[in-house]
Structures are given as C-alpha cells and as structure tokens.
C-alpha atoms as a PDB file:
ATOM      1  CA  UNK A   1       1.792  24.111  -0.717  1.00  0.00           C
ATOM      2  CA  UNK A   2      -1.399  23.560   1.282  1.00  0.00           C
ATOM      3  CA  UNK A   3      -4.451  22.266  -0.569  1.00  0.00           C
ATOM      4  CA  UNK A   4      -6.877  25.127  -1.272  1.00  0.00           C
ATOM      5  CA  UNK A   5      -9.863  22.998  -2.278  1.00  0.00           C
ATOM      6  CA  UNK A   6     -11.797  22.442   0.964  1.00  0.00           C
ATOM      7  CA  UNK A   7     -13.497  19.339  -0.413  1.00  0.00           C
ATOM      8  CA  UNK A   8     -10.094  17.757  -1.027  1.00  0.00           C
ATOM      9  CA  UNK A   9      -8.475  19.070   2.159  1.00  0.00           C
ATOM     10  CA  UNK A  10     -11.017  17.190   4.275  1.00  0.00           C
ATOM     11  CA  UNK A  11     -10.941  13.973   2.252  1.00  0.00           C
ATOM     12  CA  UNK A  12      -9.408  10.752   3.603  1.00  0.00           C
ATOM     13  CA  UNK A  13      -7.499   9.275   0.663  1.00  0.00           C
ATOM     14  CA  UNK A  14      -7.217   5.475   0.561  1.00  0.00           C
ATOM     15  CA  UNK A  15      -9.385   5.241   3.680  1.00  0.00           C
ATOM     16  CA  UNK A  16     -10.659   1.695   3.093  1.00  0.00           C
ATOM     17  CA  UNK A  17      -7.117   0.430   2.534  1.00  0.00           C
ATOM     18  CA  UNK A  18      -5.849   1.935   5.781  1.00  0.00           C
ATOM     19  CA  UNK A  19      -8.575  -0.006   7.588  1.00  0.00           C
ATOM     20  CA  UNK A  20      -7.348  -3.321   6.151  1.00  0.00           C
ATOM     21  CA  UNK A  21      -4.179  -4.759   7.689  1.00  0.00           C
ATOM     22  CA  UNK A  22      -3.278  -6.421   4.381  1.00  0.00           C
ATOM     23  CA  UNK A  23      -2.066  -3.108   3.004  1.00  0.00           C
ATOM     24  CA  UNK A  24       1.139  -1.694   4.498  1.00  0.00           C
ATOM     25  CA  UNK A  25       0.749   1.787   5.960  1.00  0.00           C
ATOM     26  CA  UNK A  26       4.180   2.769   4.632  1.00  0.00           C
ATOM     27  CA  UNK A  27       3.104   2.115   1.044  1.00  0.00           C
ATOM     28  CA  UNK A  28      -0.303   3.702   1.627  1.00  0.00           C
ATOM     29  CA  UNK A  29       1.353   6.813   3.026  1.00  0.00           C
ATOM     30  CA  UNK A  30       3.354   7.082  -0.192  1.00  0.00           C
ATOM     31  CA  UNK A  31       0.189   6.584  -2.252  1.00  0.00           C
ATOM     32  CA  UNK A  32      -1.628   9.243  -0.270  1.00  0.00           C
ATOM     33  CA  UNK A  33       1.307  11.595  -0.871  1.00  0.00           C
ATOM     34  CA  UNK A  34       1.041  10.918  -4.625  1.00  0.00           C
ATOM     35  CA  UNK A  35      -2.642  11.856  -4.574  1.00  0.00           C
ATOM     36  CA  UNK A  36      -2.032  14.997  -2.533  1.00  0.00           C
ATOM     37  CA  UNK A  37       0.802  16.011  -4.873  1.00  0.00           C
ATOM     38  CA  UNK A  38      -1.587  15.497  -7.796  1.00  0.00           C
ATOM     39  CA  UNK A  39      -4.038  17.876  -6.147  1.00  0.00           C
ATOM     40  CA  UNK A  40      -1.286  20.417  -5.598  1.00  0.00           C
ATOM     41  CA  UNK A  41      -0.294  20.158  -9.273  1.00  0.00           C
ATOM     42  CA  UNK A  42      -3.881  20.615 -10.368  1.00  0.00           C
ATOM     43  CA  UNK A  43      -4.202  23.711  -8.199  1.00  0.00           C
ATOM     44  CA  UNK A  44      -0.891  25.121  -9.446  1.00  0.00           C
ATOM     45  CA  UNK A  45      -1.354  24.339 -13.143  1.00  0.00           C
ATOM     46  CA  UNK A  46      -5.140  24.668 -13.377  1.00  0.00           C
ATOM     47  CA  UNK A  47      -5.700  22.299 -16.315  1.00  0.00           C
ATOM     48  CA  UNK A  48      -8.080  23.875 -18.819  1.00  0.00           C
ATOM     49  CA  UNK A  49      -9.455  20.657 -20.283  1.00  0.00           C
ATOM     50  CA  UNK A  50      -9.586  16.898 -19.849  1.00  0.00           C
ATOM     51  CA  UNK A  51      -6.440  16.380 -21.911  1.00  0.00           C
ATOM     52  CA  UNK A  52      -4.448  18.555 -19.534  1.00  0.00           C
ATOM     53  CA  UNK A  53      -5.983  16.812 -16.521  1.00  0.00           C
ATOM     54  CA  UNK A  54      -5.185  13.381 -17.970  1.00  0.00           C
ATOM     55  CA  UNK A  55      -1.530  14.357 -18.413  1.00  0.00           C
ATOM     56  CA  UNK A  56      -1.368  15.131 -14.684  1.00  0.00           C
ATOM     57  CA  UNK A  57      -3.239  12.001 -13.604  1.00  0.00           C
ATOM     58  CA  UNK A  58      -1.114   9.805 -15.876  1.00  0.00           C
ATOM     59  CA  UNK A  59       2.043  11.083 -14.193  1.00  0.00           C
ATOM     60  CA  UNK A  60       0.510  10.323 -10.779  1.00  0.00           C
ATOM     61  CA  UNK A  61      -0.554   6.867 -11.960  1.00  0.00           C
ATOM     62  CA  UNK A  62       3.014   6.118 -12.998  1.00  0.00           C
ATOM     63  CA  UNK A  63       4.100   7.077  -9.487  1.00  0.00           C
ATOM     64  CA  UNK A  64       1.610   4.518  -8.160  1.00  0.00           C
ATOM     65  CA  UNK A  65       3.119   1.945 -10.524  1.00  0.00           C
ATOM     66  CA  UNK A  66       6.455   2.510  -8.803  1.00  0.00           C
ATOM     67  CA  UNK A  67       4.880   1.721  -5.413  1.00  0.00           C
ATOM     68  CA  UNK A  68       4.171  -1.905  -6.350  1.00  0.00           C
ATOM     69  CA  UNK A  69       7.568  -2.909  -4.880  1.00  0.00           C
ATOM     70  CA  UNK A  70       6.669  -1.311  -1.549  1.00  0.00           C
ATOM     71  CA  UNK A  71       3.497  -3.374  -1.414  1.00  0.00           C
ATOM     72  CA  UNK A  72       5.287  -6.582  -2.434  1.00  0.00           C
ATOM     73  CA  UNK A  73       8.053  -6.119   0.141  1.00  0.00           C
ATOM     74  CA  UNK A  74       5.341  -6.091   2.815  1.00  0.00           C
ATOM     75  CA  UNK A  75       3.672  -9.224   1.437  1.00  0.00           C
ATOM     76  CA  UNK A  76       0.880  -7.242  -0.184  1.00  0.00           C
ATOM     77  CA  UNK A  77      -0.036  -6.094  -3.670  1.00  0.00           C
ATOM     78  CA  UNK A  78      -2.216  -3.622  -5.498  1.00  0.00           C
ATOM     79  CA  UNK A  79      -5.016  -6.067  -6.270  1.00  0.00           C
ATOM     80  CA  UNK A  80      -8.732  -5.676  -7.008  1.00  0.00           C
ATOM     81  CA  UNK A  81      -9.782  -3.954  -3.780  1.00  0.00           C
ATOM     82  CA  UNK A  82      -6.809  -1.584  -3.880  1.00  0.00           C
ATOM     83  CA  UNK A  83      -7.303  -0.875  -7.598  1.00  0.00           C
ATOM     84  CA  UNK A  84     -10.909   0.107  -7.003  1.00  0.00           C
ATOM     85  CA  UNK A  85     -10.053   2.325  -4.037  1.00  0.00           C
ATOM     86  CA  UNK A  86      -7.226   4.070  -5.892  1.00  0.00           C
ATOM     87  CA  UNK A  87      -9.362   4.547  -9.020  1.00  0.00           C
ATOM     88  CA  UNK A  88     -12.177   5.925  -6.863  1.00  0.00           C
ATOM     89  CA  UNK A  89      -9.812   8.468  -5.343  1.00  0.00           C
ATOM     90  CA  UNK A  90      -8.651   9.569  -8.795  1.00  0.00           C
ATOM     91  CA  UNK A  91     -12.323   9.970  -9.767  1.00  0.00           C
ATOM     92  CA  UNK A  92     -12.939  12.005  -6.601  1.00  0.00           C
ATOM     93  CA  UNK A  93     -10.030  14.316  -7.440  1.00  0.00           C
ATOM     94  CA  UNK A  94     -11.276  14.878 -10.987  1.00  0.00           C
ATOM     95  CA  UNK A  95     -14.764  15.733  -9.768  1.00  0.00           C
ATOM     96  CA  UNK A  96     -13.523  17.928  -6.931  1.00  0.00           C
ATOM     97  CA  UNK A  97     -11.602  20.030  -9.432  1.00  0.00           C
ATOM     98  CA  UNK A  98     -14.481  20.476 -11.842  1.00  0.00           C
ATOM     99  CA  UNK A  99     -14.089  17.533 -14.206  1.00  0.00           C
ATOM    100  CA  UNK A 100     -17.210  15.423 -13.551  1.00  0.00           C
ATOM    101  CA  UNK A 101     -17.058  13.879 -17.028  1.00  0.00           C
ATOM    102  CA  UNK A 102     -13.528  12.535 -16.664  1.00  0.00           C
ATOM    103  CA  UNK A 103     -13.344   8.852 -17.575  1.00  0.00           C
ATOM    104  CA  UNK A 104     -11.859   6.939 -14.648  1.00  0.00           C
ATOM    105  CA  UNK A 105     -10.133   4.426 -16.927  1.00  0.00           C
ATOM    106  CA  UNK A 106      -8.498   7.276 -18.815  1.00  0.00           C
ATOM    107  CA  UNK A 107      -7.500   8.985 -15.560  1.00  0.00           C
ATOM    108  CA  UNK A 108      -5.401   5.926 -14.687  1.00  0.00           C
ATOM    109  CA  UNK A 109      -4.662   4.659 -18.200  1.00  0.00           C
ATOM    110  CA  UNK A 110      -0.942   3.929 -17.700  1.00  0.00           C
ATOM    111  CA  UNK A 111      -1.572   1.765 -14.624  1.00  0.00           C
ATOM    112  CA  UNK A 112       0.261  -1.516 -14.277  1.00  0.00           C
ATOM    113  CA  UNK A 113      -1.877  -2.745 -11.391  1.00  0.00           C
END
C-alpha cells in the first residue's frame, strides 16, 4: 500500500544514520521498513486518539527491539545517536498524522534500546 500522506512520502527516515558508516545499511533498511509499515497501519486504521496511536507505535517499537541483533552482528548498536534519530522519526510520524501532542517517550515506551 503506497503512503498517501505526502509529508511522509517525501521524508527520509533514519537519514542521519545512513550518513554514518557505523550503522549497517541492512539494519537501517529494516528499520526504515518498520517506520513505513507503521505509517501504512496508521493510514489503514486511522487511530482516533493517542491511545490508539500508542498501540500502533508500541508494536513498531517492539519490531525495532528485534533489530538489535542485526546491528550487533555488524559491530554496531542502537546507542544514543541512533535512539535520538529513531525517536525523532516516531515524533515526525505522530505529527504528520495529526498527533502533535503525542509524547515521544510514550510513542516508544516498550523500547529496549
């Protein structure tokens, strides 16, 4: 399903991490796919409130948790810089879909990174 939100469709997810050789492109590609799938779910389910949005973002965060092995296998990890970039992209998604008051820490509450 193509992304209908033009703001999201033109956005470069995880851009700063792709520019840094420390982060493996293979793992970043998977992370980008998680974020795009989150956007697709938001467009399909159209969450009516923050609680519904948080349920979707928590599921996506758990998918990011599973990527830690991919980073470690490449001699990398989801550390401070990556955490901030990923959290910023979750914040962008929330705002792009009409949730400017979403709390970024709640968006990614189940994170293990």
